[in-house]
Amino acid sequence: MSALKLRNIGPKSAAWLRQVGLRSAEDLAAVGAVGAFVKVRRAGFKPSLNLLYSLEGALVGCHWQEVPDARRQQLVSEYEAAAGGLPAARAGQMAGPVRETRMQPHADLDDGGDETGEIRFGED
């Protein structure tokens, strides 16, 4: 079964799963909901806990909102234990250099001779 056809898994989540090497129900079952969620986070994506619940629902065959509260709490605890030292993002996904842009005042005179106070945006 393709990740695209798993219950609770929409196109964006399926794309994340593919990008971390999880392409089938068997792949998901092998790592579990928490393992898959950790892989997605380690890849630099920022999923909400709803993905964790959706992955669990896909594995047990229920809608993600039907995952019992006790199981949700257990999943979150397992995730927190597994995610101890997760990096914020991969090195290749860090923000690039900042480029400074300065705003320069530009004073035009209208027909009455007053300043318009326009501001032009430009780079030095």
PDB file of N, CA and C in Angstrom:
ATOM      1  N   MET A   1       0.852  -1.180   0.000  1.00  0.00           N
ATOM      2  CA  MET A   1       0.000   0.000   0.000  1.00  0.00           C
ATOM      3  C   MET A   1       0.893   1.236   0.000  1.00  0.00           C
ATOM      4  N   SER A   2       0.571   2.159  -0.802  1.00  0.00           N
ATOM      5  CA  SER A   2       1.325   3.407  -0.911  1.00  0.00           C
ATOM      6  C   SER A   2       1.034   4.298   0.282  1.00  0.00           C
ATOM      7  N   ALA A   3       2.015   5.107   0.670  1.00  0.00           N
ATOM      8  CA  ALA A   3       1.810   6.052   1.769  1.00  0.00           C
ATOM      9  C   ALA A   3       0.683   7.019   1.436  1.00  0.00           C
ATOM     10  N   LEU A   4       0.473   7.281   0.144  1.00  0.00           N
ATOM     11  CA  LEU A   4      -0.595   8.183  -0.261  1.00  0.00           C
ATOM     12  C   LEU A   4      -1.968   7.611   0.057  1.00  0.00           C
ATOM     13  N   LYS A   5      -2.063   6.303   0.201  1.00  0.00           N
ATOM     14  CA  LYS A   5      -3.361   5.684   0.416  1.00  0.00           C
ATOM     15  C   LYS A   5      -3.588   5.256   1.855  1.00  0.00           C
ATOM     16  N   LEU A   6      -2.688   5.609   2.749  1.00  0.00           N
ATOM     17  CA  LEU A   6      -2.879   5.287   4.151  1.00  0.00           C
ATOM     18  C   LEU A   6      -3.952   6.182   4.745  1.00  0.00           C
ATOM     19  N   ARG A   7      -4.750   5.615   5.609  1.00  0.00           N
ATOM     20  CA  ARG A   7      -5.785   6.387   6.283  1.00  0.00           C
ATOM     21  C   ARG A   7      -5.140   7.509   7.087  1.00  0.00           C
ATOM     22  N   ASN A   8      -5.735   8.671   7.087  1.00  0.00           N
ATOM     23  CA  ASN A   8      -5.300   9.856   7.839  1.00  0.00           C
ATOM     24  C   ASN A   8      -4.108  10.589   7.240  1.00  0.00           C
ATOM     25  N   ILE A   9      -3.511  10.067   6.182  1.00  0.00           N
ATOM     26  CA  ILE A   9      -2.285  10.651   5.644  1.00  0.00           C
ATOM     27  C   ILE A   9      -2.618  11.407   4.360  1.00  0.00           C
ATOM     28  N   GLY A  10      -2.535  12.721   4.443  1.00  0.00           N
ATOM     29  CA  GLY A  10      -2.808  13.567   3.284  1.00  0.00           C
ATOM     30  C   GLY A  10      -1.563  13.735   2.428  1.00  0.00           C
ATOM     31  N   PRO A  11      -1.670  14.505   1.353  1.00  0.00           N
ATOM     32  CA  PRO A  11      -0.559  14.664   0.415  1.00  0.00           C
ATOM     33  C   PRO A  11       0.709  15.256   1.037  1.00  0.00           C
ATOM     34  N   LYS A  12       0.564  16.247   1.888  1.00  0.00           N
ATOM     35  CA  LYS A  12       1.750  16.866   2.495  1.00  0.00           C
ATOM     36  C   LYS A  12       2.454  15.882   3.428  1.00  0.00           C
ATOM     37  N   SER A  13       1.686  15.203   4.268  1.00  0.00           N
ATOM     38  CA  SER A  13       2.270  14.220   5.180  1.00  0.00           C
ATOM     39  C   SER A  13       2.889  13.071   4.400  1.00  0.00           C
ATOM     40  N   ALA A  14       2.229  12.640   3.343  1.00  0.00           N
ATOM     41  CA  ALA A  14       2.766  11.559   2.514  1.00  0.00           C
ATOM     42  C   ALA A  14       4.098  11.967   1.890  1.00  0.00           C
ATOM     43  N   ALA A  15       4.187  13.213   1.462  1.00  0.00           N
ATOM     44  CA  ALA A  15       5.443  13.711   0.878  1.00  0.00           C
ATOM     45  C   ALA A  15       6.552  13.711   1.925  1.00  0.00           C
ATOM     46  N   TRP A  16       6.240  14.153   3.140  1.00  0.00           N
ATOM     47  CA  TRP A  16       7.231  14.129   4.221  1.00  0.00           C
ATOM     48  C   TRP A  16       7.708  12.705   4.472  1.00  0.00           C
ATOM     49  N   LEU A  17       6.751  11.771   4.537  1.00  0.00           N
ATOM     50  CA  LEU A  17       7.107  10.374   4.807  1.00  0.00           C
ATOM     51  C   LEU A  17       7.990   9.808   3.702  1.00  0.00           C
ATOM     52  N   ARG A  18       7.648  10.105   2.457  1.00  0.00           N
ATOM     53  CA  ARG A  18       8.488   9.633   1.346  1.00  0.00           C
ATOM     54  C   ARG A  18       9.898  10.193   1.451  1.00  0.00           C
ATOM     55  N   GLN A  19       9.992  11.472   1.813  1.00  0.00           N
ATOM     56  CA  GLN A  19      11.303  12.117   1.881  1.00  0.00           C
ATOM     57  C   GLN A  19      12.180  11.546   2.990  1.00  0.00           C
ATOM     58  N   VAL A  20      11.584  10.908   3.976  1.00  0.00           N
ATOM     59  CA  VAL A  20      12.387  10.278   5.032  1.00  0.00           C
ATOM     60  C   VAL A  20      12.489   8.770   4.828  1.00  0.00           C
ATOM     61  N   GLY A  21      12.072   8.298   3.642  1.00  0.00           N
ATOM     62  CA  GLY A  21      12.252   6.892   3.286  1.00  0.00           C
ATOM     63  C   GLY A  21      11.131   5.959   3.684  1.00  0.00           C
ATOM     64  N   LEU A  22      10.005   6.487   4.099  1.00  0.00           N
ATOM     65  CA  LEU A  22       8.859   5.661   4.474  1.00  0.00           C
ATOM     66  C   LEU A  22       7.837   5.728   3.342  1.00  0.00           C
ATOM     67  N   ARG A  23       7.784   4.671   2.545  1.00  0.00           N
ATOM     68  CA  ARG A  23       6.974   4.694   1.334  1.00  0.00           C
ATOM     69  C   ARG A  23       5.794   3.732   1.334  1.00  0.00           C
ATOM     70  N   SER A  24       5.643   2.953   2.398  1.00  0.00           N
ATOM     71  CA  SER A  24       4.555   1.974   2.422  1.00  0.00           C
ATOM     72  C   SER A  24       4.060   1.767   3.847  1.00  0.00           C
ATOM     73  N   ALA A  25       2.944   1.065   3.964  1.00  0.00           N
ATOM     74  CA  ALA A  25       2.405   0.726   5.284  1.00  0.00           C
ATOM     75  C   ALA A  25       3.398  -0.147   6.042  1.00  0.00           C
ATOM     76  N   GLU A  26       4.104  -0.991   5.314  1.00  0.00           N
ATOM     77  CA  GLU A  26       5.098  -1.868   5.948  1.00  0.00           C
ATOM     78  C   GLU A  26       6.246  -1.042   6.522  1.00  0.00           C
ATOM     79  N   ASP A  27       6.687  -0.039   5.768  1.00  0.00           N
ATOM     80  CA  ASP A  27       7.752   0.844   6.254  1.00  0.00           C
ATOM     81  C   ASP A  27       7.308   1.553   7.536  1.00  0.00           C
ATOM     82  N   LEU A  28       6.079   2.043   7.535  1.00  0.00           N
ATOM     83  CA  LEU A  28       5.541   2.738   8.693  1.00  0.00           C
ATOM     84  C   LEU A  28       5.431   1.795   9.888  1.00  0.00           C
ATOM     85  N   ALA A  29       4.924   0.596   9.644  1.00  0.00           N
ATOM     86  CA  ALA A  29       4.776  -0.379  10.726  1.00  0.00           C
ATOM     87  C   ALA A  29       6.133  -0.753  11.322  1.00  0.00           C
ATOM     88  N   ALA A  30       7.166  -0.797  10.489  1.00  0.00           N
ATOM     89  CA  ALA A  30       8.497  -1.192  10.960  1.00  0.00           C
ATOM     90  C   ALA A  30       9.083  -0.182  11.952  1.00  0.00           C
ATOM     91  N   VAL A  31       8.810   1.103  11.753  1.00  0.00           N
ATOM     92  CA  VAL A  31       9.377   2.120  12.650  1.00  0.00           C
ATOM     93  C   VAL A  31       8.381   2.609  13.687  1.00  0.00           C
ATOM     94  N   GLY A  32       7.100   2.393  13.455  1.00  0.00           N
ATOM     95  CA  GLY A  32       6.068   2.835  14.379  1.00  0.00           C
ATOM     96  C   GLY A  32       5.744   4.311  14.215  1.00  0.00           C
ATOM     97  N   ALA A  33       4.661   4.714  14.848  1.00  0.00           N
ATOM     98  CA  ALA A  33       4.198   6.099  14.734  1.00  0.00           C
ATOM     99  C   ALA A  33       5.232   7.074  15.289  1.00  0.00           C
ATOM    100  N   VAL A  34       5.781   6.772  16.451  1.00  0.00           N
ATOM    101  CA  VAL A  34       6.751   7.673  17.078  1.00  0.00           C
ATOM    102  C   VAL A  34       8.027   7.732  16.252  1.00  0.00           C
ATOM    103  N   GLY A  35       8.506   6.587  15.787  1.00  0.00           N
ATOM    104  CA  GLY A  35       9.716   6.561  14.971  1.00  0.00           C
ATOM    105  C   GLY A  35       9.565   7.363  13.695  1.00  0.00           C
ATOM    106  N   ALA A  36       8.409   7.229  13.055  1.00  0.00           N
ATOM    107  CA  ALA A  36       8.153   7.984  11.827  1.00  0.00           C
ATOM    108  C   ALA A  36       8.086   9.479  12.118  1.00  0.00           C
ATOM    109  N   PHE A  37       7.427   9.850  13.200  1.00  0.00           N
ATOM    110  CA  PHE A  37       7.305  11.257  13.578  1.00  0.00           C
ATOM    111  C   PHE A  37       8.678  11.851  13.860  1.00  0.00           C
ATOM    112  N   VAL A  38       9.527  11.100  14.562  1.00  0.00           N
ATOM    113  CA  VAL A  38      10.884  11.568  14.851  1.00  0.00           C
ATOM    114  C   VAL A  38      11.669  11.755  13.555  1.00  0.00           C
ATOM    115  N   LYS A  39      11.535  10.811  12.609  1.00  0.00           N
ATOM    116  CA  LYS A  39      12.233  10.937  11.319  1.00  0.00           C
ATOM    117  C   LYS A  39      11.812  12.217  10.594  1.00  0.00           C
ATOM    118  N   VAL A  40      10.524  12.495  10.602  1.00  0.00           N
ATOM    119  CA  VAL A  40      10.014  13.689   9.936  1.00  0.00           C
ATOM    120  C   VAL A  40      10.571  14.944  10.601  1.00  0.00           C
ATOM    121  N   ARG A  41      10.583  14.967  11.930  1.00  0.00           N
ATOM    122  CA  ARG A  41      11.139  16.120  12.652  1.00  0.00           C
ATOM    123  C   ARG A  41      12.632  16.266  12.394  1.00  0.00           C
ATOM    124  N   ARG A  42      13.366  15.162  12.406  1.00  0.00           N
ATOM    125  CA  ARG A  42      14.816  15.225  12.173  1.00  0.00           C
ATOM    126  C   ARG A  42      15.139  15.711  10.765  1.00  0.00           C
ATOM    127  N   ALA A  43      14.219  15.497   9.846  1.00  0.00           N
ATOM    128  CA  ALA A  43      14.427  15.958   8.471  1.00  0.00           C
ATOM    129  C   ALA A  43      14.239  17.466   8.352  1.00  0.00           C
ATOM    130  N   GLY A  44      13.808  18.109   9.432  1.00  0.00           N
ATOM    131  CA  GLY A  44      13.667  19.561   9.422  1.00  0.00           C
ATOM    132  C   GLY A  44      12.253  20.054   9.201  1.00  0.00           C
ATOM    133  N   PHE A  45      11.302  19.135   9.048  1.00  0.00           N
ATOM    134  CA  PHE A  45       9.906  19.549   8.905  1.00  0.00           C
ATOM    135  C   PHE A  45       9.347  19.862  10.285  1.00  0.00           C
ATOM    136  N   LYS A  46       8.239  20.579  10.310  1.00  0.00           N
ATOM    137  CA  LYS A  46       7.653  20.986  11.585  1.00  0.00           C
ATOM    138  C   LYS A  46       6.197  20.524  11.681  1.00  0.00           C
ATOM    139  N   PRO A  47       5.998  19.223  11.811  1.00  0.00           N
ATOM    140  CA  PRO A  47       4.627  18.726  11.914  1.00  0.00           C
ATOM    141  C   PRO A  47       4.043  18.990  13.298  1.00  0.00           C
ATOM    142  N   SER A  48       2.732  19.084  13.354  1.00  0.00           N
ATOM    143  CA  SER A  48       2.066  19.201  14.647  1.00  0.00           C
ATOM    144  C   SER A  48       1.882  17.794  15.210  1.00  0.00           C
ATOM    145  N   LEU A  49       1.433  17.733  16.446  1.00  0.00           N
ATOM    146  CA  LEU A  49       1.169  16.422  17.055  1.00  0.00           C
ATOM    147  C   LEU A  49       0.052  15.677  16.334  1.00  0.00           C
ATOM    148  N   ASN A  50      -0.758  16.395  15.557  1.00  0.00           N
ATOM    149  CA  ASN A  50      -1.804  15.708  14.796  1.00  0.00           C
ATOM    150  C   ASN A  50      -1.205  14.673  13.848  1.00  0.00           C
ATOM    151  N   LEU A  51       0.001  14.929  13.318  1.00  0.00           N
ATOM    152  CA  LEU A  51       0.639  13.925  12.469  1.00  0.00           C
ATOM    153  C   LEU A  51       0.951  12.674  13.277  1.00  0.00           C
ATOM    154  N   LEU A  52       1.424  12.845  14.488  1.00  0.00           N
ATOM    155  CA  LEU A  52       1.716  11.693  15.343  1.00  0.00           C
ATOM    156  C   LEU A  52       0.456  10.860  15.557  1.00  0.00           C
ATOM    157  N   TYR A  53      -0.644  11.528  15.846  1.00  0.00           N
ATOM    158  CA  TYR A  53      -1.908  10.820  16.057  1.00  0.00           C
ATOM    159  C   TYR A  53      -2.413  10.190  14.756  1.00  0.00           C
ATOM    160  N   SER A  54      -2.192  10.870  13.651  1.00  0.00           N
ATOM    161  CA  SER A  54      -2.598  10.337  12.343  1.00  0.00           C
ATOM    162  C   SER A  54      -1.814   9.078  11.991  1.00  0.00           C
ATOM    163  N   LEU A  55      -0.522   9.095  12.295  1.00  0.00           N
ATOM    164  CA  LEU A  55       0.302   7.915  12.033  1.00  0.00           C
ATOM    165  C   LEU A  55      -0.169   6.741  12.879  1.00  0.00           C
ATOM    166  N   GLU A  56      -0.473   6.995  14.131  1.00  0.00           N
ATOM    167  CA  GLU A  56      -0.988   5.930  15.006  1.00  0.00           C
ATOM    168  C   GLU A  56      -2.319   5.413  14.478  1.00  0.00           C
ATOM    169  N   GLY A  57      -3.207   6.327  14.083  1.00  0.00           N
ATOM    170  CA  GLY A  57      -4.491   5.906  13.525  1.00  0.00           C
ATOM    171  C   GLY A  57      -4.320   5.081  12.264  1.00  0.00           C
ATOM    172  N   ALA A  58      -3.351   5.452  11.422  1.00  0.00           N
ATOM    173  CA  ALA A  58      -3.082   4.684  10.201  1.00  0.00           C
ATOM    174  C   ALA A  58      -2.627   3.274  10.548  1.00  0.00           C
ATOM    175  N   LEU A  59      -1.846   3.142  11.599  1.00  0.00           N
ATOM    176  CA  LEU A  59      -1.337   1.825  11.986  1.00  0.00           C
ATOM    177  C   LEU A  59      -2.413   0.931  12.607  1.00  0.00           C
ATOM    178  N   VAL A  60      -3.306   1.532  13.379  1.00  0.00           N
ATOM    179  CA  VAL A  60      -4.327   0.715  14.055  1.00  0.00           C
ATOM    180  C   VAL A  60      -5.662   0.695  13.315  1.00  0.00           C
ATOM    181  N   GLY A  61      -5.762   1.483  12.242  1.00  0.00           N
ATOM    182  CA  GLY A  61      -6.963   1.450  11.411  1.00  0.00           C
ATOM    183  C   GLY A  61      -8.125   2.267  11.928  1.00  0.00           C
ATOM    184  N   CYS A  62      -7.831   3.424  12.517  1.00  0.00           N
ATOM    185  CA  CYS A  62      -8.920   4.289  12.969  1.00  0.00           C
ATOM    186  C   CYS A  62      -8.621   5.727  12.553  1.00  0.00           C
ATOM    187  N   HIS A  63      -9.641   6.565  12.637  1.00  0.00           N
ATOM    188  CA  HIS A  63      -9.456   7.994  12.374  1.00  0.00           C
ATOM    189  C   HIS A  63      -8.571   8.562  13.474  1.00  0.00           C
ATOM    190  N   TRP A  64      -7.732   9.532  13.133  1.00  0.00           N
ATOM    191  CA  TRP A  64      -6.781  10.060  14.118  1.00  0.00           C
ATOM    192  C   TRP A  64      -7.463  10.649  15.339  1.00  0.00           C
ATOM    193  N   GLN A  65      -8.687  11.166  15.184  1.00  0.00           N
ATOM    194  CA  GLN A  65      -9.399  11.742  16.323  1.00  0.00           C
ATOM    195  C   GLN A  65      -9.941  10.671  17.261  1.00  0.00           C
ATOM    196  N   GLU A  66      -9.938   9.421  16.801  1.00  0.00           N
ATOM    197  CA  GLU A  66     -10.431   8.325  17.624  1.00  0.00           C
ATOM    198  C   GLU A  66      -9.332   7.671  18.458  1.00  0.00           C
ATOM    199  N   VAL A  67      -8.096   8.108  18.302  1.00  0.00           N
ATOM    200  CA  VAL A  67      -7.010   7.589  19.135  1.00  0.00           C
ATOM    201  C   VAL A  67      -7.305   8.038  20.566  1.00  0.00           C
ATOM    202  N   PRO A  68      -7.416   7.092  21.500  1.00  0.00           N
ATOM    203  CA  PRO A  68      -7.788   7.442  22.882  1.00  0.00           C
ATOM    204  C   PRO A  68      -6.790   8.405  23.535  1.00  0.00           C
ATOM    205  N   ASP A  69      -7.302   9.236  24.433  1.00  0.00           N
ATOM    206  CA  ASP A  69      -6.458  10.226  25.113  1.00  0.00           C
ATOM    207  C   ASP A  69      -5.276   9.576  25.829  1.00  0.00           C
ATOM    208  N   ALA A  70      -5.519   8.447  26.465  1.00  0.00           N
ATOM    209  CA  ALA A  70      -4.427   7.771  27.179  1.00  0.00           C
ATOM    210  C   ALA A  70      -3.324   7.365  26.200  1.00  0.00           C
ATOM    211  N   ARG A  71      -3.704   6.887  25.020  1.00  0.00           N
ATOM    212  CA  ARG A  71      -2.711   6.500  24.016  1.00  0.00           C
ATOM    213  C   ARG A  71      -2.001   7.735  23.467  1.00  0.00           C
ATOM    214  N   ARG A  72      -2.732   8.822  23.297  1.00  0.00           N
ATOM    215  CA  ARG A  72      -2.110  10.071  22.830  1.00  0.00           C
ATOM    216  C   ARG A  72      -1.034  10.527  23.808  1.00  0.00           C
ATOM    217  N   GLN A  73      -1.363  10.489  25.085  1.00  0.00           N
ATOM    218  CA  GLN A  73      -0.389  10.895  26.095  1.00  0.00           C
ATOM    219  C   GLN A  73       0.832   9.975  26.074  1.00  0.00           C
ATOM    220  N   GLN A  74       0.596   8.688  25.872  1.00  0.00           N
ATOM    221  CA  GLN A  74       1.694   7.737  25.792  1.00  0.00           C
ATOM    222  C   GLN A  74       2.573   8.029  24.574  1.00  0.00           C
ATOM    223  N   LEU A  75       1.950   8.323  23.440  1.00  0.00           N
ATOM    224  CA  LEU A  75       2.706   8.653  22.231  1.00  0.00           C
ATOM    225  C   LEU A  75       3.565   9.894  22.431  1.00  0.00           C
ATOM    226  N   VAL A  76       2.993  10.914  23.060  1.00  0.00           N
ATOM    227  CA  VAL A  76       3.736  12.153  23.308  1.00  0.00           C
ATOM    228  C   VAL A  76       4.905  11.877  24.245  1.00  0.00           C
ATOM    229  N   SER A  77       4.696  11.082  25.273  1.00  0.00           N
ATOM    230  CA  SER A  77       5.778  10.733  26.198  1.00  0.00           C
ATOM    231  C   SER A  77       6.886   9.981  25.474  1.00  0.00           C
ATOM    232  N   GLU A  78       6.505   9.030  24.623  1.00  0.00           N
ATOM    233  CA  GLU A  78       7.490   8.272  23.859  1.00  0.00           C
ATOM    234  C   GLU A  78       8.253   9.200  22.909  1.00  0.00           C
ATOM    235  N   TYR A  79       7.547  10.120  22.288  1.00  0.00           N
ATOM    236  CA  TYR A  79       8.202  11.075  21.389  1.00  0.00           C
ATOM    237  C   TYR A  79       9.197  11.937  22.156  1.00  0.00           C
ATOM    238  N   GLU A  80       8.783  12.489  23.294  1.00  0.00           N
ATOM    239  CA  GLU A  80       9.672  13.349  24.076  1.00  0.00           C
ATOM    240  C   GLU A  80      10.920  12.602  24.511  1.00  0.00           C
ATOM    241  N   ALA A  81      10.774  11.328  24.862  1.00  0.00           N
ATOM    242  CA  ALA A  81      11.933  10.528  25.249  1.00  0.00           C
ATOM    243  C   ALA A  81      12.844  10.278  24.054  1.00  0.00           C
ATOM    244  N   ALA A  82      12.255  10.020  22.896  1.00  0.00           N
ATOM    245  CA  ALA A  82      13.035   9.714  21.697  1.00  0.00           C
ATOM    246  C   ALA A  82      13.669  10.958  21.089  1.00  0.00           C
ATOM    247  N   ALA A  83      13.074  12.102  21.311  1.00  0.00           N
ATOM    248  CA  ALA A  83      13.509  13.327  20.653  1.00  0.00           C
ATOM    249  C   ALA A  83      14.479  14.142  21.487  1.00  0.00           C
ATOM    250  N   GLY A  84      15.000  13.576  22.542  1.00  0.00           N
ATOM    251  CA  GLY A  84      15.875  14.283  23.462  1.00  0.00           C
ATOM    252  C   GLY A  84      16.768  15.335  22.844  1.00  0.00           C
ATOM    253  N   GLY A  85      17.551  15.005  21.829  1.00  0.00           N
ATOM    254  CA  GLY A  85      18.486  15.964  21.264  1.00  0.00           C
ATOM    255  C   GLY A  85      18.248  16.255  19.808  1.00  0.00           C
ATOM    256  N   LEU A  86      16.996  16.379  19.418  1.00  0.00           N
ATOM    257  CA  LEU A  86      16.712  16.654  18.015  1.00  0.00           C
ATOM    258  C   LEU A  86      17.260  18.011  17.599  1.00  0.00           C
ATOM    259  N   PRO A  87      17.950  18.061  16.472  1.00  0.00           N
ATOM    260  CA  PRO A  87      18.377  19.361  15.954  1.00  0.00           C
ATOM    261  C   PRO A  87      17.173  20.110  15.401  1.00  0.00           C
ATOM    262  N   ALA A  88      17.267  21.415  15.363  1.00  0.00           N
ATOM    263  CA  ALA A  88      16.163  22.226  14.840  1.00  0.00           C
ATOM    264  C   ALA A  88      15.942  21.945  13.360  1.00  0.00           C
ATOM    265  N   ALA A  89      17.015  21.760  12.604  1.00  0.00           N
ATOM    266  CA  ALA A  89      16.916  21.464  11.178  1.00  0.00           C
ATOM    267  C   ALA A  89      18.256  20.913  10.714  1.00  0.00           C
ATOM    268  N   ARG A  90      18.249  20.295   9.549  1.00  0.00           N
ATOM    269  CA  ARG A  90      19.504  19.800   8.991  1.00  0.00           C
ATOM    270  C   ARG A  90      20.388  20.969   8.598  1.00  0.00           C
ATOM    271  N   ALA A  91      21.687  20.723   8.540  1.00  0.00           N
ATOM    272  CA  ALA A  91      22.622  21.790   8.206  1.00  0.00           C
ATOM    273  C   ALA A  91      22.295  22.415   6.860  1.00  0.00           C
ATOM    274  N   GLY A  92      21.851  21.638   5.903  1.00  0.00           N
ATOM    275  CA  GLY A  92      21.529  22.148   4.578  1.00  0.00           C
ATOM    276  C   GLY A  92      20.280  23.009   4.552  1.00  0.00           C
ATOM    277  N   GLN A  93      19.523  23.023   5.634  1.00  0.00           N
ATOM    278  CA  GLN A  93      18.280  23.780   5.655  1.00  0.00           C
ATOM    279  C   GLN A  93      18.344  24.999   6.557  1.00  0.00           C
ATOM    280  N   MET A  94      19.527  25.347   7.005  1.00  0.00           N
ATOM    281  CA  MET A  94      19.655  26.533   7.847  1.00  0.00           C
ATOM    282  C   MET A  94      19.399  27.784   7.005  1.00  0.00           C
ATOM    283  N   ALA A  95      19.060  28.839   7.674  1.00  0.00           N
ATOM    284  CA  ALA A  95      18.794  30.097   6.982  1.00  0.00           C
ATOM    285  C   ALA A  95      20.066  30.613   6.323  1.00  0.00           C
ATOM    286  N   GLY A  96      19.905  31.254   5.198  1.00  0.00           N
ATOM    287  CA  GLY A  96      21.041  31.812   4.472  1.00  0.00           C
ATOM    288  C   GLY A  96      21.467  33.141   5.056  1.00  0.00           C
ATOM    289  N   PRO A  97      22.446  33.776   4.441  1.00  0.00           N
ATOM    290  CA  PRO A  97      22.924  35.061   4.951  1.00  0.00           C
ATOM    291  C   PRO A  97      21.851  36.134   4.821  1.00  0.00           C
ATOM    292  N   VAL A  98      21.892  37.063   5.728  1.00  0.00           N
ATOM    293  CA  VAL A  98      20.936  38.164   5.722  1.00  0.00           C
ATOM    294  C   VAL A  98      21.482  39.263   4.821  1.00  0.00           C
ATOM    295  N   ARG A  99      20.624  39.796   3.971  1.00  0.00           N
ATOM    296  CA  ARG A  99      21.009  40.895   3.094  1.00  0.00           C
ATOM    297  C   ARG A  99      20.275  42.134   3.551  1.00  0.00           C
ATOM    298  N   GLU A 100      21.020  43.167   3.807  1.00  0.00           N
ATOM    299  CA  GLU A 100      20.434  44.390   4.327  1.00  0.00           C
ATOM    300  C   GLU A 100      19.866  45.239   3.207  1.00  0.00           C
ATOM    301  N   THR A 101      18.652  45.718   3.401  1.00  0.00           N
ATOM    302  CA  THR A 101      18.018  46.636   2.468  1.00  0.00           C
ATOM    303  C   THR A 101      17.681  47.903   3.234  1.00  0.00           C
ATOM    304  N   ARG A 102      18.053  49.016   2.689  1.00  0.00           N
ATOM    305  CA  ARG A 102      17.810  50.277   3.377  1.00  0.00           C
ATOM    306  C   ARG A 102      16.688  51.041   2.702  1.00  0.00           C
ATOM    307  N   MET A 103      15.895  51.708   3.521  1.00  0.00           N
ATOM    308  CA  MET A 103      14.837  52.564   2.999  1.00  0.00           C
ATOM    309  C   MET A 103      15.399  53.972   2.920  1.00  0.00           C
ATOM    310  N   GLN A 104      15.193  54.610   1.772  1.00  0.00           N
ATOM    311  CA  GLN A 104      15.692  55.970   1.590  1.00  0.00           C
ATOM    312  C   GLN A 104      14.519  56.910   1.426  1.00  0.00           C
ATOM    313  N   PRO A 105      14.527  58.011   2.185  1.00  0.00           N
ATOM    314  CA  PRO A 105      13.433  58.972   2.031  1.00  0.00           C
ATOM    315  C   PRO A 105      13.547  59.666   0.674  1.00  0.00           C
ATOM    316  N   HIS A 106      12.408  59.926   0.105  1.00  0.00           N
ATOM    317  CA  HIS A 106      12.370  60.608  -1.190  1.00  0.00           C
ATOM    318  C   HIS A 106      11.330  61.715  -1.080  1.00  0.00           C
ATOM    319  N   ALA A 107      11.770  62.930  -1.170  1.00  0.00           N
ATOM    320  CA  ALA A 107      10.855  64.063  -1.032  1.00  0.00           C
ATOM    321  C   ALA A 107      10.510  64.617  -2.410  1.00  0.00           C
ATOM    322  N   ASP A 108       9.235  64.557  -2.744  1.00  0.00           N
ATOM    323  CA  ASP A 108       8.743  65.162  -3.980  1.00  0.00           C
ATOM    324  C   ASP A 108       7.882  66.368  -3.603  1.00  0.00           C
ATOM    325  N   LEU A 109       7.855  67.327  -4.474  1.00  0.00           N
ATOM    326  CA  LEU A 109       6.983  68.476  -4.249  1.00  0.00           C
ATOM    327  C   LEU A 109       5.773  68.337  -5.149  1.00  0.00           C
ATOM    328  N   ASP A 110       4.583  68.471  -4.571  1.00  0.00           N
ATOM    329  CA  ASP A 110       3.387  68.435  -5.411  1.00  0.00           C
ATOM    330  C   ASP A 110       3.079  69.837  -5.910  1.00  0.00           C
ATOM    331  N   ASP A 111       1.938  69.998  -6.546  1.00  0.00           N
ATOM    332  CA  ASP A 111       1.606  71.297  -7.132  1.00  0.00           C
ATOM    333  C   ASP A 111       1.564  72.416  -6.103  1.00  0.00           C
ATOM    334  N   GLY A 112       1.251  72.115  -4.862  1.00  0.00           N
ATOM    335  CA  GLY A 112       1.172  73.146  -3.838  1.00  0.00           C
ATOM    336  C   GLY A 112       2.511  73.418  -3.173  1.00  0.00           C
ATOM    337  N   GLY A 113       3.553  72.692  -3.532  1.00  0.00           N
ATOM    338  CA  GLY A 113       4.855  72.921  -2.973  1.00  0.00           C
ATOM    339  C   GLY A 113       5.098  72.195  -1.657  1.00  0.00           C
ATOM    340  N   ASP A 114       4.162  71.337  -1.207  1.00  0.00           N
ATOM    341  CA  ASP A 114       4.339  70.603   0.053  1.00  0.00           C
ATOM    342  C   ASP A 114       5.123  69.310  -0.182  1.00  0.00           C
ATOM    343  N   GLU A 115       5.824  68.844   0.841  1.00  0.00           N
ATOM    344  CA  GLU A 115       6.495  67.542   0.734  1.00  0.00           C
ATOM    345  C   GLU A 115       5.460  66.437   0.832  1.00  0.00           C
ATOM    346  N   THR A 116       5.613  65.441   0.017  1.00  0.00           N
ATOM    347  CA  THR A 116       4.658  64.322   0.056  1.00  0.00           C
ATOM    348  C   THR A 116       5.053  63.293   1.090  1.00  0.00           C
ATOM    349  N   GLY A 117       6.324  63.250   1.458  1.00  0.00           N
ATOM    350  CA  GLY A 117       6.749  62.286   2.464  1.00  0.00           C
ATOM    351  C   GLY A 117       6.803  60.861   1.953  1.00  0.00           C
ATOM    352  N   GLU A 118       6.863  60.681   0.636  1.00  0.00           N
ATOM    353  CA  GLU A 118       6.928  59.325   0.088  1.00  0.00           C
ATOM    354  C   GLU A 118       8.224  58.661   0.508  1.00  0.00           C
ATOM    355  N   ILE A 119       8.176  57.364   0.651  1.00  0.00           N
ATOM    356  CA  ILE A 119       9.370  56.576   0.936  1.00  0.00           C
ATOM    357  C   ILE A 119       9.567  55.603  -0.202  1.00  0.00           C
ATOM    358  N   ARG A 120      10.759  55.635  -0.774  1.00  0.00           N
ATOM    359  CA  ARG A 120      11.100  54.718  -1.858  1.00  0.00           C
ATOM    360  C   ARG A 120      11.931  53.601  -1.285  1.00  0.00           C
ATOM    361  N   PHE A 121      11.674  52.392  -1.742  1.00  0.00           N
ATOM    362  CA  PHE A 121      12.444  51.239  -1.301  1.00  0.00           C
ATOM    363  C   PHE A 121      13.509  50.954  -2.335  1.00  0.00           C
ATOM    364  N   GLY A 122      14.727  50.774  -1.882  1.00  0.00           N
ATOM    365  CA  GLY A 122      15.814  50.466  -2.800  1.00  0.00           C
ATOM    366  C   GLY A 122      16.955  49.851  -2.068  1.00  0.00           C
ATOM    367  N   GLU A 123      17.884  49.291  -2.828  1.00  0.00           N
ATOM    368  CA  GLU A 123      19.049  48.669  -2.237  1.00  0.00           C
ATOM    369  C   GLU A 123      20.259  49.504  -2.559  1.00  0.00           C
ATOM    370  N   ASP A 124      21.204  49.526  -1.641  1.00  0.00           N
ATOM    371  CA  ASP A 124      22.471  50.246  -1.870  1.00  0.00           C
ATOM    372  C   ASP A 124      23.366  49.439  -2.746  1.00  0.00           C
TER     373      ASP A 124
END
